Amino acid sequence: MTPLQALQATLAGEHAAIYVYGVLGGRVSASRQPGLAAAVASGYAVHRGRRDLLRRMVVTAGGSPVAAQEAYALPTPCVTPADLAAAATRTEQRCAAVYAQMVGSTAQANRQWAIDALVDAAVRELGQGGGVEAFPGAAELH
């Protein structure tokens, strides 16, 4: 995978994460699940910021940023609070996978950015009830 392809794949992953977190934000009860609501709001904001930065990174690399799809499949039914938390966790796992791919396909500042995003995704996943992984985002190493 070329560095530009890795940037585009990561941008596509951020588009999907923003969609999922947007759906979760509309379904979580801030009064009944304040911790989950805060985690969802934080995830939404972080992924929007990453998306915006990735768009600039793609342009700097000479590409035209990939557009978001009209809709994405949700990783769980997203009905109960447990479903919502599981969807947030699964979203961070998916993001970790594209960040890990970007780490292996880029260099210098872009690689460091991907490493930082990968670490953050792993920490978010843990905060939402996910498990500890030796190599987050790298299923082939488990």
C-alpha atoms as a PDB file:
ATOM      1  CA  MET A   1       0.000   0.000   0.000  1.00  0.00           C
ATOM      2  CA  THR A   2       1.371   3.413  -0.919  1.00  0.00           C
ATOM      3  CA  PRO A   3       1.481   6.209   1.658  1.00  0.00           C
ATOM      4  CA  LEU A   4      -1.324   8.051  -0.170  1.00  0.00           C
ATOM      5  CA  GLN A   5      -3.479   4.909  -0.229  1.00  0.00           C
ATOM      6  CA  ALA A   6      -2.879   4.492   3.513  1.00  0.00           C
ATOM      7  CA  LEU A   7      -3.917   8.092   4.133  1.00  0.00           C
ATOM      8  CA  GLN A   8      -7.063   7.600   2.046  1.00  0.00           C
ATOM      9  CA  ALA A   9      -7.940   4.337   3.838  1.00  0.00           C
ATOM     10  CA  THR A  10      -7.480   6.030   7.200  1.00  0.00           C
ATOM     11  CA  LEU A  11      -9.623   8.968   6.079  1.00  0.00           C
ATOM     12  CA  ALA A  12     -12.333   6.531   4.978  1.00  0.00           C
ATOM     13  CA  GLY A  13     -12.139   4.911   8.411  1.00  0.00           C
ATOM     14  CA  GLU A  14     -12.569   8.286  10.084  1.00  0.00           C
ATOM     15  CA  HIS A  15     -15.643   9.002   7.962  1.00  0.00           C
ATOM     16  CA  ALA A  16     -17.151   5.734   9.176  1.00  0.00           C
ATOM     17  CA  ALA A  17     -16.210   6.425  12.816  1.00  0.00           C
ATOM     18  CA  ILE A  18     -17.848   9.849  12.698  1.00  0.00           C
ATOM     19  CA  TYR A  19     -21.020   8.317  11.288  1.00  0.00           C
ATOM     20  CA  VAL A  20     -21.170   5.648  13.983  1.00  0.00           C
ATOM     21  CA  TYR A  21     -20.426   8.080  16.800  1.00  0.00           C
ATOM     22  CA  GLY A  22     -23.103  10.417  15.402  1.00  0.00           C
ATOM     23  CA  VAL A  23     -25.676   7.621  15.529  1.00  0.00           C
ATOM     24  CA  LEU A  24     -24.557   6.657  19.031  1.00  0.00           C
ATOM     25  CA  GLY A  25     -24.842  10.261  20.184  1.00  0.00           C
ATOM     26  CA  GLY A  26     -28.442  10.330  19.049  1.00  0.00           C
ATOM     27  CA  ARG A  27     -29.257   7.142  20.932  1.00  0.00           C
ATOM     28  CA  VAL A  28     -27.413   7.463  24.238  1.00  0.00           C
ATOM     29  CA  SER A  29     -29.167   9.053  27.199  1.00  0.00           C
ATOM     30  CA  ALA A  30     -26.972  11.693  28.794  1.00  0.00           C
ATOM     31  CA  SER A  31     -29.085  11.578  31.954  1.00  0.00           C
ATOM     32  CA  ARG A  32     -29.133   7.775  32.274  1.00  0.00           C
ATOM     33  CA  GLN A  33     -25.628   6.989  30.975  1.00  0.00           C
ATOM     34  CA  PRO A  34     -23.548  10.136  31.532  1.00  0.00           C
ATOM     35  CA  GLY A  35     -20.237   8.278  31.273  1.00  0.00           C
ATOM     36  CA  LEU A  36     -21.161   6.652  27.986  1.00  0.00           C
ATOM     37  CA  ALA A  37     -22.581   9.928  26.665  1.00  0.00           C
ATOM     38  CA  ALA A  38     -19.323  11.705  27.510  1.00  0.00           C
ATOM     39  CA  ALA A  39     -17.258   8.960  25.853  1.00  0.00           C
ATOM     40  CA  VAL A  40     -19.415   9.131  22.717  1.00  0.00           C
ATOM     41  CA  ALA A  41     -19.177  12.939  22.548  1.00  0.00           C
ATOM     42  CA  SER A  42     -15.417  12.780  23.034  1.00  0.00           C
ATOM     43  CA  GLY A  43     -15.027  10.080  20.384  1.00  0.00           C
ATOM     44  CA  TYR A  44     -17.099  12.083  17.931  1.00  0.00           C
ATOM     45  CA  ALA A  45     -15.009  15.220  18.476  1.00  0.00           C
ATOM     46  CA  VAL A  46     -11.675  13.386  18.260  1.00  0.00           C
ATOM     47  CA  HIS A  47     -12.591  11.590  15.047  1.00  0.00           C
ATOM     48  CA  ARG A  48     -13.884  14.790  13.432  1.00  0.00           C
ATOM     49  CA  GLY A  49     -10.560  16.453  14.216  1.00  0.00           C
ATOM     50  CA  ARG A  50      -8.638  13.515  12.787  1.00  0.00           C
ATOM     51  CA  ARG A  51     -10.795  13.505   9.680  1.00  0.00           C
ATOM     52  CA  ASP A  52     -10.088  17.179   9.086  1.00  0.00           C
ATOM     53  CA  LEU A  53      -6.350  16.686   9.557  1.00  0.00           C
ATOM     54  CA  LEU A  54      -6.322  13.633   7.285  1.00  0.00           C
ATOM     55  CA  ARG A  55      -8.019  15.614   4.546  1.00  0.00           C
ATOM     56  CA  ARG A  56      -5.151  18.105   4.705  1.00  0.00           C
ATOM     57  CA  MET A  57      -2.593  15.277   4.797  1.00  0.00           C
ATOM     58  CA  VAL A  58      -4.104  13.717   1.662  1.00  0.00           C
ATOM     59  CA  VAL A  59      -3.972  17.044  -0.178  1.00  0.00           C
ATOM     60  CA  THR A  60      -0.365  17.591   0.927  1.00  0.00           C
ATOM     61  CA  ALA A  61       0.457  14.123  -0.418  1.00  0.00           C
ATOM     62  CA  GLY A  62      -1.005  15.128  -3.793  1.00  0.00           C
ATOM     63  CA  GLY A  63      -4.358  13.395  -3.548  1.00  0.00           C
ATOM     64  CA  SER A  64      -8.001  14.336  -3.537  1.00  0.00           C
ATOM     65  CA  PRO A  65      -9.591  13.327  -0.217  1.00  0.00           C
ATOM     66  CA  VAL A  66     -11.970  10.387  -0.411  1.00  0.00           C
ATOM     67  CA  ALA A  67     -15.564  11.407   0.302  1.00  0.00           C
ATOM     68  CA  ALA A  68     -17.735   9.947   3.027  1.00  0.00           C
ATOM     69  CA  GLN A  69     -20.332   7.385   2.057  1.00  0.00           C
ATOM     70  CA  GLU A  70     -24.002   8.197   2.468  1.00  0.00           C
ATOM     71  CA  ALA A  71     -24.377   5.639   5.247  1.00  0.00           C
ATOM     72  CA  TYR A  72     -22.424   2.930   7.033  1.00  0.00           C
ATOM     73  CA  ALA A  73     -23.396  -0.351   8.665  1.00  0.00           C
ATOM     74  CA  LEU A  74     -23.452  -0.139  12.438  1.00  0.00           C
ATOM     75  CA  PRO A  75     -21.229  -2.663  14.225  1.00  0.00           C
ATOM     76  CA  THR A  76     -24.016  -3.731  16.648  1.00  0.00           C
ATOM     77  CA  PRO A  77     -27.824  -3.347  16.799  1.00  0.00           C
ATOM     78  CA  CYS A  78     -27.304  -0.122  18.854  1.00  0.00           C
ATOM     79  CA  VAL A  79     -30.477  -0.477  20.895  1.00  0.00           C
ATOM     80  CA  THR A  80     -29.426  -1.012  24.503  1.00  0.00           C
ATOM     81  CA  PRO A  81     -26.720   0.862  26.441  1.00  0.00           C
ATOM     82  CA  ALA A  82     -24.585  -2.295  26.196  1.00  0.00           C
ATOM     83  CA  ASP A  83     -25.048  -2.284  22.399  1.00  0.00           C
ATOM     84  CA  LEU A  84     -24.026   1.367  22.253  1.00  0.00           C
ATOM     85  CA  ALA A  85     -20.903   0.766  24.322  1.00  0.00           C
ATOM     86  CA  ALA A  86     -20.038  -2.272  22.202  1.00  0.00           C
ATOM     87  CA  ALA A  87     -20.448  -0.207  19.019  1.00  0.00           C
ATOM     88  CA  ALA A  88     -18.099   2.460  20.362  1.00  0.00           C
ATOM     89  CA  THR A  89     -15.571  -0.213  21.313  1.00  0.00           C
ATOM     90  CA  ARG A  90     -15.830  -1.901  17.914  1.00  0.00           C
ATOM     91  CA  THR A  91     -15.429   1.450  16.171  1.00  0.00           C
ATOM     92  CA  GLU A  92     -12.171   2.073  18.021  1.00  0.00           C
ATOM     93  CA  GLN A  93     -10.987  -1.442  17.114  1.00  0.00           C
ATOM     94  CA  ARG A  94     -11.705  -0.744  13.449  1.00  0.00           C
ATOM     95  CA  CYS A  95      -9.924   2.588  13.636  1.00  0.00           C
ATOM     96  CA  ALA A  96      -6.936   0.945  15.318  1.00  0.00           C
ATOM     97  CA  ALA A  97      -6.710  -1.433  12.353  1.00  0.00           C
ATOM     98  CA  VAL A  98      -6.513   1.385   9.801  1.00  0.00           C
ATOM     99  CA  TYR A  99      -4.069   3.316  11.989  1.00  0.00           C
ATOM    100  CA  ALA A 100      -1.855   0.210  12.226  1.00  0.00           C
ATOM    101  CA  GLN A 101      -2.021  -0.121   8.451  1.00  0.00           C
ATOM    102  CA  MET A 102      -1.011   3.527   8.131  1.00  0.00           C
ATOM    103  CA  VAL A 103       1.916   2.987  10.521  1.00  0.00           C
ATOM    104  CA  GLY A 104       3.218   0.262   8.220  1.00  0.00           C
ATOM    105  CA  SER A 105       2.730   2.303   5.046  1.00  0.00           C
ATOM    106  CA  THR A 106       3.964   5.777   5.947  1.00  0.00           C
ATOM    107  CA  ALA A 107       7.064   7.446   7.345  1.00  0.00           C
ATOM    108  CA  GLN A 108       8.199  10.336   9.498  1.00  0.00           C
ATOM    109  CA  ALA A 109       5.490  12.748  10.697  1.00  0.00           C
ATOM    110  CA  ASN A 110       2.624  10.791   9.126  1.00  0.00           C
ATOM    111  CA  ARG A 111       3.822   7.579  10.770  1.00  0.00           C
ATOM    112  CA  GLN A 112       4.150   9.305  14.140  1.00  0.00           C
ATOM    113  CA  TRP A 113       0.629  10.694  13.762  1.00  0.00           C
ATOM    114  CA  ALA A 114      -0.666   7.184  13.038  1.00  0.00           C
ATOM    115  CA  ILE A 115       1.169   5.766  16.056  1.00  0.00           C
ATOM    116  CA  ASP A 116      -0.345   8.424  18.304  1.00  0.00           C
ATOM    117  CA  ALA A 117      -3.829   7.784  16.877  1.00  0.00           C
ATOM    118  CA  LEU A 118      -3.365   4.025  17.320  1.00  0.00           C
ATOM    119  CA  VAL A 119      -2.401   4.455  20.982  1.00  0.00           C
ATOM    120  CA  ASP A 120      -5.375   6.748  21.559  1.00  0.00           C
ATOM    121  CA  ALA A 121      -7.773   4.283  19.913  1.00  0.00           C
ATOM    122  CA  ALA A 122      -6.450   1.470  22.125  1.00  0.00           C
ATOM    123  CA  VAL A 123      -6.906   3.612  25.239  1.00  0.00           C
ATOM    124  CA  ARG A 124     -10.436   4.615  24.166  1.00  0.00           C
ATOM    125  CA  GLU A 125     -11.269   0.987  23.547  1.00  0.00           C
ATOM    126  CA  LEU A 126     -10.090   0.084  27.065  1.00  0.00           C
ATOM    127  CA  GLY A 127     -12.074   2.968  28.544  1.00  0.00           C
ATOM    128  CA  GLN A 128     -15.216   1.654  26.876  1.00  0.00           C
ATOM    129  CA  GLY A 129     -14.780  -1.857  28.225  1.00  0.00           C
ATOM    130  CA  GLY A 130     -12.619  -3.380  25.513  1.00  0.00           C
ATOM    131  CA  GLY A 131      -9.890  -5.880  26.211  1.00  0.00           C
ATOM    132  CA  VAL A 132      -6.144  -5.512  26.397  1.00  0.00           C
ATOM    133  CA  GLU A 133      -4.289  -6.462  23.221  1.00  0.00           C
ATOM    134  CA  ALA A 134      -0.545  -6.887  22.816  1.00  0.00           C
ATOM    135  CA  PHE A 135      -0.669  -5.324  19.354  1.00  0.00           C
ATOM    136  CA  PRO A 136      -3.851  -3.228  18.961  1.00  0.00           C
ATOM    137  CA  GLY A 137      -5.002  -2.952  15.383  1.00  0.00           C
ATOM    138  CA  ALA A 138      -2.791  -5.807  14.196  1.00  0.00           C
ATOM    139  CA  ALA A 139      -5.025  -8.892  14.253  1.00  0.00           C
ATOM    140  CA  GLU A 140      -2.395 -10.890  12.392  1.00  0.00           C
ATOM    141  CA  LEU A 141      -0.117 -10.642  15.442  1.00  0.00           C
ATOM    142  CA  HIS A 142      -2.629 -12.028  17.955  1.00  0.00           C
END
